[in-house]
C-alpha atoms as a PDB file:
ATOM      1  CA  MET A   1     -19.309 140.437  32.572  1.00  0.00           C
ATOM      2  CA  ASP A   2     -17.388 143.720  32.285  1.00  0.00           C
ATOM      3  CA  LEU A   3     -19.873 146.599  32.704  1.00  0.00           C
ATOM      4  CA  SER A   4     -18.438 148.496  29.731  1.00  0.00           C
ATOM      5  CA  LEU A   5     -18.990 145.461  27.496  1.00  0.00           C
ATOM      6  CA  LEU A   6     -22.515 145.043  28.858  1.00  0.00           C
ATOM      7  CA  PHE A   7     -23.363 148.704  28.184  1.00  0.00           C
ATOM      8  CA  MET A   8     -21.896 148.431  24.675  1.00  0.00           C
ATOM      9  CA  TRP A   9     -24.089 145.498  23.671  1.00  0.00           C
ATOM     10  CA  LEU A  10     -27.139 146.896  25.424  1.00  0.00           C
ATOM     11  CA  GLY A  11     -26.597 150.189  23.607  1.00  0.00           C
ATOM     12  CA  PHE A  12     -26.242 148.333  20.316  1.00  0.00           C
ATOM     13  CA  ILE A  13     -29.552 146.503  20.862  1.00  0.00           C
ATOM     14  CA  LEU A  14     -31.381 149.679  21.872  1.00  0.00           C
ATOM     15  CA  ALA A  15     -29.881 151.631  18.962  1.00  0.00           C
ATOM     16  CA  GLY A  16     -30.670 148.793  16.568  1.00  0.00           C
ATOM     17  CA  TYR A  17     -34.312 148.711  17.630  1.00  0.00           C
ATOM     18  CA  SER A  18     -34.583 152.507  17.541  1.00  0.00           C
ATOM     19  CA  VAL A  19     -32.890 152.948  14.164  1.00  0.00           C
ATOM     20  CA  VAL A  20     -34.638 150.037  12.470  1.00  0.00           C
ATOM     21  CA  GLY A  21     -37.999 151.064  13.921  1.00  0.00           C
ATOM     22  CA  ASN A  22     -37.621 154.765  13.134  1.00  0.00           C
ATOM     23  CA  ASP A  23     -35.509 154.975   9.990  1.00  0.00           C
ATOM     24  CA  SER A  24     -35.987 151.753   8.030  1.00  0.00           C
ATOM     25  CA  ILE A  25     -39.541 152.737   7.114  1.00  0.00           C
ATOM     26  CA  GLN A  26     -38.052 155.600   5.093  1.00  0.00           C
ATOM     27  CA  THR A  27     -36.672 153.058   2.666  1.00  0.00           C
ATOM     28  CA  LEU A  28     -39.036 150.133   3.155  1.00  0.00           C
ATOM     29  CA  GLY A  29     -42.258 152.076   3.722  1.00  0.00           C
ATOM     30  CA  THR A  30     -43.343 152.180   0.087  1.00  0.00           C
ATOM     31  CA  PHE A  31     -42.309 148.529  -0.278  1.00  0.00           C
ATOM     32  CA  LEU A  32     -44.509 147.582   2.698  1.00  0.00           C
ATOM     33  CA  SER A  33     -47.429 149.739   1.558  1.00  0.00           C
ATOM     34  CA  SER A  34     -47.460 148.318  -1.961  1.00  0.00           C
ATOM     35  CA  ASN A  35     -47.166 144.713  -0.728  1.00  0.00           C
ATOM     36  CA  GLU A  36     -49.633 144.700   2.166  1.00  0.00           C
ATOM     37  CA  ASN A  37     -51.285 141.567   0.795  1.00  0.00           C
ATOM     38  CA  ARG A  38     -48.102 139.497   1.048  1.00  0.00           C
ATOM     39  CA  PRO A  39     -47.013 137.583   4.192  1.00  0.00           C
ATOM     40  CA  TRP A  40     -44.699 139.653   6.369  1.00  0.00           C
ATOM     41  CA  TYR A  41     -42.047 136.934   6.520  1.00  0.00           C
ATOM     42  CA  VAL A  42     -41.671 136.903   2.718  1.00  0.00           C
ATOM     43  CA  LEU A  43     -40.952 140.645   2.734  1.00  0.00           C
ATOM     44  CA  TRP A  44     -38.650 140.205   5.743  1.00  0.00           C
ATOM     45  CA  PHE A  45     -36.614 137.536   3.965  1.00  0.00           C
ATOM     46  CA  PHE A  46     -35.982 139.869   1.028  1.00  0.00           C
ATOM     47  CA  ALA A  47     -34.986 142.827   3.224  1.00  0.00           C
ATOM     48  CA  GLY A  48     -33.008 140.622   5.624  1.00  0.00           C
ATOM     49  CA  SER A  49     -30.988 139.072   2.811  1.00  0.00           C
ATOM     50  CA  THR A  50     -30.045 142.521   1.523  1.00  0.00           C
ATOM     51  CA  LEU A  51     -29.072 143.614   5.034  1.00  0.00           C
ATOM     52  CA  ALA A  52     -26.872 140.549   5.546  1.00  0.00           C
ATOM     53  CA  ILE A  53     -25.090 140.973   2.195  1.00  0.00           C
ATOM     54  CA  THR A  54     -24.480 144.705   2.756  1.00  0.00           C
ATOM     55  CA  MET A  55     -23.202 144.131   6.281  1.00  0.00           C
ATOM     56  CA  ILE A  56     -20.908 141.217   5.453  1.00  0.00           C
ATOM     57  CA  TYR A  57     -19.484 143.025   2.411  1.00  0.00           C
ATOM     58  CA  GLY A  58     -18.635 146.096   4.520  1.00  0.00           C
ATOM     59  CA  TRP A  59     -17.066 143.914   7.225  1.00  0.00           C
ATOM     60  CA  TYR A  60     -14.910 142.090   4.680  1.00  0.00           C
ATOM     61  CA  HIS A  61     -13.982 145.058   2.491  1.00  0.00           C
ATOM     62  CA  TYR A  62     -13.196 147.524   5.309  1.00  0.00           C
ATOM     63  CA  GLY A  63     -11.308 145.236   7.672  1.00  0.00           C
ATOM     64  CA  GLY A  64     -14.110 144.512  10.119  1.00  0.00           C
ATOM     65  CA  ASP A  65     -15.696 147.980   9.925  1.00  0.00           C
ATOM     66  CA  VAL A  66     -19.336 147.469   8.904  1.00  0.00           C
ATOM     67  CA  SER A  67     -19.964 151.245   9.018  1.00  0.00           C
ATOM     68  CA  TYR A  68     -18.031 151.647   5.748  1.00  0.00           C
ATOM     69  CA  GLU A  69     -15.557 153.934   7.589  1.00  0.00           C
ATOM     70  CA  ARG A  70     -18.252 156.443   8.594  1.00  0.00           C
ATOM     71  CA  LEU A  71     -17.168 156.136  12.228  1.00  0.00           C
ATOM     72  CA  SER A  72     -13.531 157.073  11.639  1.00  0.00           C
ATOM     73  CA  LYS A  73     -14.060 160.368  13.544  1.00  0.00           C
ATOM     74  CA  TYR A  74     -16.169 158.775  16.294  1.00  0.00           C
ATOM     75  CA  PRO A  75     -13.881 156.920  18.716  1.00  0.00           C
ATOM     76  CA  LEU A  76     -15.374 154.369  21.091  1.00  0.00           C
ATOM     77  CA  PRO A  77     -15.574 155.891  24.624  1.00  0.00           C
ATOM     78  CA  ASP A  78     -13.254 154.409  27.234  1.00  0.00           C
ATOM     79  CA  PRO A  79     -14.705 153.633  29.659  1.00  0.00           C
ATOM     80  CA  PHE A  80     -18.141 153.072  28.144  1.00  0.00           C
ATOM     81  CA  SER A  81     -20.562 154.548  30.718  1.00  0.00           C
ATOM     82  CA  TRP A  82     -24.270 153.912  31.231  1.00  0.00           C
ATOM     83  CA  TYR A  83     -25.389 157.387  30.147  1.00  0.00           C
ATOM     84  CA  TYR A  84     -24.558 156.557  26.519  1.00  0.00           C
ATOM     85  CA  LEU A  85     -27.702 154.432  26.604  1.00  0.00           C
ATOM     86  CA  LEU A  86     -29.904 157.532  26.918  1.00  0.00           C
ATOM     87  CA  PRO A  87     -29.972 158.584  23.210  1.00  0.00           C
ATOM     88  CA  PRO A  88     -31.559 155.373  21.854  1.00  0.00           C
ATOM     89  CA  LEU A  89     -33.959 155.305  24.825  1.00  0.00           C
ATOM     90  CA  VAL A  90     -35.150 158.819  23.971  1.00  0.00           C
ATOM     91  CA  LEU A  91     -35.343 157.846  20.308  1.00  0.00           C
ATOM     92  CA  MET A  92     -37.501 154.839  21.188  1.00  0.00           C
ATOM     93  CA  ALA A  93     -39.904 157.109  23.061  1.00  0.00           C
ATOM     94  CA  LEU A  94     -40.139 159.558  20.168  1.00  0.00           C
ATOM     95  CA  THR A  95     -40.538 156.752  17.614  1.00  0.00           C
ATOM     96  CA  ARG A  96     -43.668 155.532  19.382  1.00  0.00           C
ATOM     97  CA  THR A  97     -45.236 158.957  18.789  1.00  0.00           C
ATOM     98  CA  GLY A  98     -44.603 158.751  15.042  1.00  0.00           C
ATOM     99  CA  ILE A  99     -42.147 161.660  15.027  1.00  0.00           C
ATOM    100  CA  PRO A 100     -39.526 161.138  12.249  1.00  0.00           C
ATOM    101  CA  VAL A 101     -36.506 162.335  14.240  1.00  0.00           C
ATOM    102  CA  SER A 102     -32.987 161.891  12.934  1.00  0.00           C
ATOM    103  CA  THR A 103     -31.109 159.023  14.532  1.00  0.00           C
ATOM    104  CA  SER A 104     -27.841 160.456  13.222  1.00  0.00           C
ATOM    105  CA  PHE A 105     -28.227 163.593  15.329  1.00  0.00           C
ATOM    106  CA  LEU A 106     -29.734 161.855  18.345  1.00  0.00           C
ATOM    107  CA  ILE A 107     -27.076 159.149  18.611  1.00  0.00           C
ATOM    108  CA  LEU A 108     -23.846 160.094  16.829  1.00  0.00           C
ATOM    109  CA  THR A 109     -23.684 163.580  18.322  1.00  0.00           C
ATOM    110  CA  PHE A 110     -23.232 162.100  21.802  1.00  0.00           C
ATOM    111  CA  PHE A 111     -20.065 160.335  20.775  1.00  0.00           C
ATOM    112  CA  SER A 112     -18.478 163.407  19.203  1.00  0.00           C
ATOM    113  CA  GLU A 113     -20.387 166.686  19.260  1.00  0.00           C
ATOM    114  CA  LYS A 114     -17.602 168.496  17.389  1.00  0.00           C
ATOM    115  CA  ASN A 115     -18.597 166.635  14.206  1.00  0.00           C
ATOM    116  CA  MET A 116     -22.172 167.895  14.378  1.00  0.00           C
ATOM    117  CA  PRO A 117     -21.703 170.989  12.112  1.00  0.00           C
ATOM    118  CA  ASP A 118     -20.450 168.847   9.221  1.00  0.00           C
ATOM    119  CA  MET A 119     -23.315 166.405   9.728  1.00  0.00           C
ATOM    120  CA  VAL A 120     -25.887 169.223   9.780  1.00  0.00           C
ATOM    121  CA  LYS A 121     -24.464 170.778   6.605  1.00  0.00           C
ATOM    122  CA  LYS A 122     -24.543 167.484   4.739  1.00  0.00           C
ATOM    123  CA  SER A 123     -28.053 166.705   5.975  1.00  0.00           C
ATOM    124  CA  LEU A 124     -29.377 170.128   4.952  1.00  0.00           C
ATOM    125  CA  LEU A 125     -27.780 169.659   1.561  1.00  0.00           C
ATOM    126  CA  GLY A 126     -29.425 166.229   1.423  1.00  0.00           C
ATOM    127  CA  TYR A 127     -32.858 167.760   2.056  1.00  0.00           C
ATOM    128  CA  VAL A 128     -32.331 170.418  -0.633  1.00  0.00           C
ATOM    129  CA  VAL A 129     -30.990 167.961  -3.223  1.00  0.00           C
ATOM    130  CA  ALA A 130     -33.774 165.428  -2.575  1.00  0.00           C
ATOM    131  CA  PHE A 131     -36.448 168.148  -2.623  1.00  0.00           C
ATOM    132  CA  GLY A 132     -35.079 169.612  -5.862  1.00  0.00           C
ATOM    133  CA  ALA A 133     -34.635 166.231  -7.544  1.00  0.00           C
ATOM    134  CA  ALA A 134     -38.207 165.229  -6.655  1.00  0.00           C
ATOM    135  CA  ILE A 135     -39.612 168.531  -7.931  1.00  0.00           C
ATOM    136  CA  ILE A 136     -37.816 168.152 -11.271  1.00  0.00           C
ATOM    137  CA  VAL A 137     -38.627 164.468 -11.758  1.00  0.00           C
ATOM    138  CA  TYR A 138     -42.295 164.690 -10.802  1.00  0.00           C
ATOM    139  CA  ILE A 139     -42.944 167.956 -12.646  1.00  0.00           C
ATOM    140  CA  LEU A 140     -41.806 166.068 -15.750  1.00  0.00           C
ATOM    141  CA  ILE A 141     -43.691 162.829 -15.164  1.00  0.00           C
ATOM    142  CA  ALA A 142     -46.656 163.676 -12.920  1.00  0.00           C
ATOM    143  CA  LYS A 143     -49.137 164.583 -15.635  1.00  0.00           C
ATOM    144  CA  ALA A 144     -48.338 161.708 -17.978  1.00  0.00           C
ATOM    145  CA  VAL A 145     -47.172 158.975 -15.599  1.00  0.00           C
ATOM    146  CA  GLU A 146     -48.408 159.557 -12.042  1.00  0.00           C
ATOM    147  CA  LYS A 147     -51.838 160.659 -13.300  1.00  0.00           C
ATOM    148  CA  TYR A 148     -52.162 157.329 -15.089  1.00  0.00           C
ATOM    149  CA  PHE A 149     -51.027 155.456 -11.970  1.00  0.00           C
ATOM    150  CA  ILE A 150     -53.573 157.296  -9.804  1.00  0.00           C
ATOM    151  CA  GLU A 151     -56.467 156.710 -12.183  1.00  0.00           C
ATOM    152  CA  SER A 152     -55.831 153.052 -13.004  1.00  0.00           C
ATOM    153  CA  GLU A 153     -54.993 149.944 -11.016  1.00  0.00           C
ATOM    154  CA  PRO A 154     -51.999 147.942 -12.281  1.00  0.00           C
ATOM    155  CA  THR A 155     -53.120 145.082 -14.514  1.00  0.00           C
ATOM    156  CA  PRO A 156     -51.780 141.537 -13.930  1.00  0.00           C
ATOM    157  CA  LYS A 157     -49.458 142.049 -16.906  1.00  0.00           C
ATOM    158  CA  GLU A 158     -48.182 145.351 -15.496  1.00  0.00           C
ATOM    159  CA  ARG A 159     -47.609 143.783 -12.076  1.00  0.00           C
ATOM    160  CA  LYS A 160     -45.370 141.161 -13.666  1.00  0.00           C
ATOM    161  CA  ILE A 161     -43.255 143.973 -15.107  1.00  0.00           C
ATOM    162  CA  TRP A 162     -43.275 146.365 -12.168  1.00  0.00           C
ATOM    163  CA  MET A 163     -42.804 143.899  -9.316  1.00  0.00           C
ATOM    164  CA  PRO A 164     -39.243 142.922 -10.366  1.00  0.00           C
ATOM    165  CA  LEU A 165     -38.486 146.640 -10.823  1.00  0.00           C
ATOM    166  CA  LEU A 166     -39.827 147.354  -7.334  1.00  0.00           C
ATOM    167  CA  LEU A 167     -37.653 144.607  -5.857  1.00  0.00           C
ATOM    168  CA  LEU A 168     -34.617 145.922  -7.735  1.00  0.00           C
ATOM    169  CA  THR A 169     -35.078 149.559  -6.681  1.00  0.00           C
ATOM    170  CA  THR A 170     -35.976 148.579  -3.108  1.00  0.00           C
ATOM    171  CA  GLY A 171     -32.867 146.419  -2.795  1.00  0.00           C
ATOM    172  CA  PHE A 172     -30.684 149.229  -4.180  1.00  0.00           C
ATOM    173  CA  LEU A 173     -32.244 151.872  -1.930  1.00  0.00           C
ATOM    174  CA  TRP A 174     -32.172 149.632   1.158  1.00  0.00           C
ATOM    175  CA  SER A 175     -28.468 148.883   0.680  1.00  0.00           C
ATOM    176  CA  GLN A 176     -27.598 152.580   0.242  1.00  0.00           C
ATOM    177  CA  TRP A 177     -29.579 153.465   3.363  1.00  0.00           C
ATOM    178  CA  LEU A 178     -27.881 150.732   5.382  1.00  0.00           C
ATOM    179  CA  ILE A 179     -24.444 151.995   4.361  1.00  0.00           C
ATOM    180  CA  GLN A 180     -25.389 155.402   5.784  1.00  0.00           C
ATOM    181  CA  ASP A 181     -27.236 154.277   8.909  1.00  0.00           C
ATOM    182  CA  PHE A 182     -25.089 151.345  10.040  1.00  0.00           C
ATOM    183  CA  ALA A 183     -22.983 154.054  11.692  1.00  0.00           C
ATOM    184  CA  ASN A 184     -25.883 154.959  13.991  1.00  0.00           C
ATOM    185  CA  ILE A 185     -26.079 151.391  15.294  1.00  0.00           C
ATOM    186  CA  PHE A 186     -22.483 150.166  15.286  1.00  0.00           C
ATOM    187  CA  VAL A 187     -21.205 153.303  17.009  1.00  0.00           C
ATOM    188  CA  TYR A 188     -21.796 151.243  20.181  1.00  0.00           C
ATOM    189  CA  LEU A 189     -19.402 148.450  19.185  1.00  0.00           C
ATOM    190  CA  PRO A 190     -15.657 148.328  18.419  1.00  0.00           C
ATOM    191  CA  ARG A 191     -14.789 149.840  15.040  1.00  0.00           C
ATOM    192  CA  SER A 192     -13.370 146.498  13.888  1.00  0.00           C
ATOM    193  CA  LEU A 193     -15.625 143.532  14.667  1.00  0.00           C
ATOM    194  CA  SER A 194     -14.522 139.946  15.149  1.00  0.00           C
ATOM    195  CA  GLY A 195     -16.286 137.203  13.218  1.00  0.00           C
ATOM    196  CA  THR A 196     -18.234 136.221  16.347  1.00  0.00           C
ATOM    197  CA  SER A 197     -19.385 139.793  16.991  1.00  0.00           C
ATOM    198  CA  LEU A 198     -20.421 140.081  13.341  1.00  0.00           C
ATOM    199  CA  ILE A 199     -22.657 137.001  13.569  1.00  0.00           C
ATOM    200  CA  ILE A 200     -24.193 138.032  16.914  1.00  0.00           C
ATOM    201  CA  SER A 201     -24.946 141.571  15.711  1.00  0.00           C
ATOM    202  CA  LEU A 202     -26.383 140.267  12.431  1.00  0.00           C
ATOM    203  CA  VAL A 203     -28.761 137.914  14.246  1.00  0.00           C
ATOM    204  CA  ILE A 204     -29.899 140.757  16.520  1.00  0.00           C
ATOM    205  CA  LEU A 205     -30.615 143.099  13.612  1.00  0.00           C
ATOM    206  CA  LEU A 206     -32.471 140.433  11.614  1.00  0.00           C
ATOM    207  CA  THR A 207     -34.642 139.701  14.664  1.00  0.00           C
ATOM    208  CA  LEU A 208     -35.446 143.399  15.146  1.00  0.00           C
ATOM    209  CA  LEU A 209     -36.227 143.740  11.444  1.00  0.00           C
ATOM    210  CA  ALA A 210     -38.602 140.768  11.646  1.00  0.00           C
ATOM    211  CA  TYR A 211     -40.536 142.520  14.408  1.00  0.00           C
ATOM    212  CA  ILE A 212     -40.852 145.702  12.340  1.00  0.00           C
ATOM    213  CA  PHE A 213     -42.230 143.741   9.389  1.00  0.00           C
ATOM    214  CA  TYR A 214     -44.559 141.784  11.641  1.00  0.00           C
ATOM    215  CA  SER A 215     -45.974 145.050  13.032  1.00  0.00           C
ATOM    216  CA  LYS A 216     -46.328 146.432   9.472  1.00  0.00           C
ATOM    217  CA  GLY A 217     -44.001 149.351  10.008  1.00  0.00           C
ATOM    218  CA  GLY A 218     -45.469 150.892  13.123  1.00  0.00           C
ATOM    219  CA  SER A 219     -46.512 154.532  13.467  1.00  0.00           C
ATOM    220  CA  ILE A 220     -43.819 156.014  11.202  1.00  0.00           C
ATOM    221  CA  GLN A 221     -45.471 154.153   8.309  1.00  0.00           C
ATOM    222  CA  ASN A 222     -48.370 156.609   8.550  1.00  0.00           C
ATOM    223  CA  ILE A 223     -46.149 159.363   7.081  1.00  0.00           C
ATOM    224  CA  VAL A 224     -45.641 157.283   3.945  1.00  0.00           C
ATOM    225  CA  LYS A 225     -49.332 156.374   3.658  1.00  0.00           C
ATOM    226  CA  SER A 226     -50.386 160.025   3.976  1.00  0.00           C
ATOM    227  CA  LYS A 227     -48.704 160.897   0.680  1.00  0.00           C
ATOM    228  CA  THR A 228     -50.300 160.581  -2.730  1.00  0.00           C
ATOM    229  CA  ASN A 229     -50.573 157.055  -4.180  1.00  0.00           C
ATOM    230  CA  THR A 230     -47.597 155.509  -2.352  1.00  0.00           C
ATOM    231  CA  VAL A 231     -49.344 152.116  -2.147  1.00  0.00           C
ATOM    232  CA  ASP A 232     -49.130 151.663  -5.940  1.00  0.00           C
ATOM    233  CA  ILE A 233     -46.163 149.434  -6.852  1.00  0.00           C
ATOM    234  CA  ARG A 234     -45.396 151.619  -9.893  1.00  0.00           C
ATOM    235  CA  SER A 235     -45.289 154.845  -7.865  1.00  0.00           C
ATOM    236  CA  ALA A 236     -43.346 153.101  -5.098  1.00  0.00           C
ATOM    237  CA  THR A 237     -40.753 151.965  -7.644  1.00  0.00           C
ATOM    238  CA  LEU A 238     -40.185 155.538  -8.851  1.00  0.00           C
ATOM    239  CA  VAL A 239     -39.896 156.898  -5.302  1.00  0.00           C
ATOM    240  CA  ASN A 240     -37.331 154.230  -4.408  1.00  0.00           C
ATOM    241  CA  ALA A 241     -35.299 154.884  -7.561  1.00  0.00           C
ATOM    242  CA  VAL A 242     -35.029 158.638  -6.941  1.00  0.00           C
ATOM    243  CA  TYR A 243     -34.311 158.210  -3.223  1.00  0.00           C
ATOM    244  CA  GLY A 244     -31.689 155.518  -3.876  1.00  0.00           C
ATOM    245  CA  LEU A 245     -29.844 157.647  -6.431  1.00  0.00           C
ATOM    246  CA  VAL A 246     -29.752 160.622  -4.051  1.00  0.00           C
ATOM    247  CA  LEU A 247     -28.318 158.464  -1.238  1.00  0.00           C
ATOM    248  CA  TYR A 248     -25.797 156.931  -3.637  1.00  0.00           C
ATOM    249  CA  TYR A 249     -24.622 160.440  -4.594  1.00  0.00           C
ATOM    250  CA  PHE A 250     -24.021 161.340  -0.945  1.00  0.00           C
ATOM    251  CA  LYS A 251     -22.352 157.975  -0.243  1.00  0.00           C
ATOM    252  CA  GLU A 252     -19.811 158.761  -2.940  1.00  0.00           C
ATOM    253  CA  LEU A 253     -19.449 162.411  -1.873  1.00  0.00           C
ATOM    254  CA  ASN A 254     -17.643 161.681   1.430  1.00  0.00           C
ATOM    255  CA  ASN A 255     -17.837 159.448   4.511  1.00  0.00           C
ATOM    256  CA  VAL A 256     -19.379 162.083   6.819  1.00  0.00           C
ATOM    257  CA  PRO A 257     -22.535 160.590   8.403  1.00  0.00           C
ATOM    258  CA  MET A 258     -25.790 162.308   7.487  1.00  0.00           C
ATOM    259  CA  SER A 259     -29.464 162.235   8.364  1.00  0.00           C
ATOM    260  CA  THR A 260     -31.289 160.045   5.865  1.00  0.00           C
ATOM    261  CA  THR A 261     -34.500 161.239   7.548  1.00  0.00           C
ATOM    262  CA  TRP A 262     -33.952 164.720   6.121  1.00  0.00           C
ATOM    263  CA  VAL A 263     -33.373 163.296   2.657  1.00  0.00           C
ATOM    264  CA  PHE A 264     -36.542 161.206   2.963  1.00  0.00           C
ATOM    265  CA  ILE A 265     -38.695 164.135   4.115  1.00  0.00           C
ATOM    266  CA  GLY A 266     -37.277 166.364   1.358  1.00  0.00           C
ATOM    267  CA  LEU A 267     -38.031 163.761  -1.297  1.00  0.00           C
ATOM    268  CA  LEU A 268     -41.640 163.239  -0.182  1.00  0.00           C
ATOM    269  CA  ALA A 269     -42.210 166.994   0.108  1.00  0.00           C
ATOM    270  CA  GLY A 270     -40.881 167.716  -3.372  1.00  0.00           C
ATOM    271  CA  ARG A 271     -42.892 164.847  -4.851  1.00  0.00           C
ATOM    272  CA  GLU A 272     -46.126 165.919  -3.184  1.00  0.00           C
ATOM    273  CA  ILE A 273     -45.767 169.555  -4.265  1.00  0.00           C
ATOM    274  CA  ALA A 274     -44.902 168.666  -7.876  1.00  0.00           C
ATOM    275  CA  ILE A 275     -47.826 166.241  -8.206  1.00  0.00           C
ATOM    276  CA  ARG A 276     -50.310 168.757  -6.801  1.00  0.00           C
ATOM    277  CA  ILE A 277     -49.026 171.543  -9.047  1.00  0.00           C
ATOM    278  CA  ARG A 278     -49.197 169.401 -12.176  1.00  0.00           C
ATOM    279  CA  LEU A 279     -52.497 167.652 -11.491  1.00  0.00           C
ATOM    280  CA  GLU A 280     -54.475 170.251  -9.525  1.00  0.00           C
ATOM    281  CA  LYS A 281     -52.736 173.411 -10.762  1.00  0.00           C
ATOM    282  CA  LYS A 282     -52.541 174.688  -7.184  1.00  0.00           C
ATOM    283  CA  LEU A 283     -51.140 174.137  -3.712  1.00  0.00           C
ATOM    284  CA  THR A 284     -53.724 173.845  -0.960  1.00  0.00           C
ATOM    285  CA  LYS A 285     -53.117 175.013   2.589  1.00  0.00           C
ATOM    286  CA  LYS A 286     -53.462 171.397   3.712  1.00  0.00           C
ATOM    287  CA  ILE A 287     -50.495 170.275   1.572  1.00  0.00           C
ATOM    288  CA  VAL A 288     -48.364 173.212   2.681  1.00  0.00           C
ATOM    289  CA  ARG A 289     -49.166 172.410   6.329  1.00  0.00           C
ATOM    290  CA  MET A 290     -48.282 168.739   5.752  1.00  0.00           C
ATOM    291  CA  VAL A 291     -44.898 169.624   4.251  1.00  0.00           C
ATOM    292  CA  LEU A 292     -44.104 172.172   6.957  1.00  0.00           C
ATOM    293  CA  SER A 293     -45.260 169.742   9.665  1.00  0.00           C
ATOM    294  CA  ASP A 294     -42.911 167.001   8.453  1.00  0.00           C
ATOM    295  CA  LEU A 295     -40.038 169.481   8.221  1.00  0.00           C
ATOM    296  CA  GLY A 296     -40.848 170.811  11.675  1.00  0.00           C
ATOM    297  CA  LYS A 297     -40.677 167.311  13.124  1.00  0.00           C
ATOM    298  CA  VAL A 298     -37.146 166.690  11.840  1.00  0.00           C
ATOM    299  CA  PHE A 299     -35.995 170.085  13.125  1.00  0.00           C
ATOM    300  CA  PHE A 300     -37.562 169.181  16.461  1.00  0.00           C
ATOM    301  CA  GLY A 301     -35.410 166.047  16.458  1.00  0.00           C
ATOM    302  CA  LEU A 302     -32.324 168.199  15.857  1.00  0.00           C
ATOM    303  CA  VAL A 303     -33.185 170.498  18.779  1.00  0.00           C
ATOM    304  CA  VAL A 304     -33.806 167.507  21.066  1.00  0.00           C
ATOM    305  CA  SER A 305     -30.441 165.998  20.145  1.00  0.00           C
ATOM    306  CA  ILE A 306     -28.592 169.249  20.879  1.00  0.00           C
ATOM    307  CA  ILE A 307     -30.299 169.579  24.261  1.00  0.00           C
ATOM    308  CA  LEU A 308     -29.510 165.971  25.156  1.00  0.00           C
ATOM    309  CA  VAL A 309     -25.845 166.453  24.296  1.00  0.00           C
ATOM    310  CA  TYR A 310     -25.513 169.094  26.995  1.00  0.00           C
ATOM    311  CA  ILE A 311     -27.579 167.110  29.492  1.00  0.00           C
ATOM    312  CA  ILE A 312     -25.405 164.029  29.075  1.00  0.00           C
ATOM    313  CA  LYS A 313     -22.189 166.041  29.194  1.00  0.00           C
ATOM    314  CA  PHE A 314     -23.425 167.575  32.435  1.00  0.00           C
ATOM    315  CA  MET A 315     -24.258 164.156  33.851  1.00  0.00           C
ATOM    316  CA  ALA A 316     -20.854 162.843  32.809  1.00  0.00           C
ATOM    317  CA  LYS A 317     -19.149 165.484  34.918  1.00  0.00           C
END
């Protein structure tokens, strides 16, 4: 086999495992937390079906480009050298520590560092918009809605109403996230896939997703569980709805790739602050430290990606 082709597919597998393991919990974390009593393969079938539909639609609608044209400024390297495998390997190592680093910065930057400023600007804007949207929404609903959710378990009748809503919002959010983050995985493959490559890559991603569901999200899931009442299907539905709408806004804004991790962290931070202000009338040092810690972790991921860009460029020479 041609070495370039081997490195491409190996990079795709490593990136797929890294991205799915690190980023998918942003969108599926509340879904997993609020459905811990259900078999993992039932949840996987739902998420896998959405992934397949989103991927096949993009491939058909954009002439074989499953990234929804987000890789138009990221040409495939020729030749494709081994050192392009380093970003997902580093991401895999960081994922195991539970650090929510941005796959967009860690992977895409290596293929075209000149596009990094635009990606940083859009990601920062994503954090601010998600943080602001969460503050506004939860300031309005925390006292009347979230307080009720925290103090009372959903009744069987409520579960019948909220479960379809959770599935609907999760499917919407998951599809919007995939449209953004497919670029981080398929940057390793040709920008226009053949039918055979589409099927092979789909099978690989579904297998990786099955492992994530089987392991119940891994260490990144702890970030979701540390926030207030995220295991409640009603609260999870609201989080997914707000997050999905924010990602949809940025999908329509332009096709510049962005860090969905920053949007996710901004949303959870704004939600946590608004709930504490409304229900406890104060912000404790513990909550402030939690918010700053999560933000610090994503900035750490940005610094790591910048450093690795220069290391790889040096190795390439």
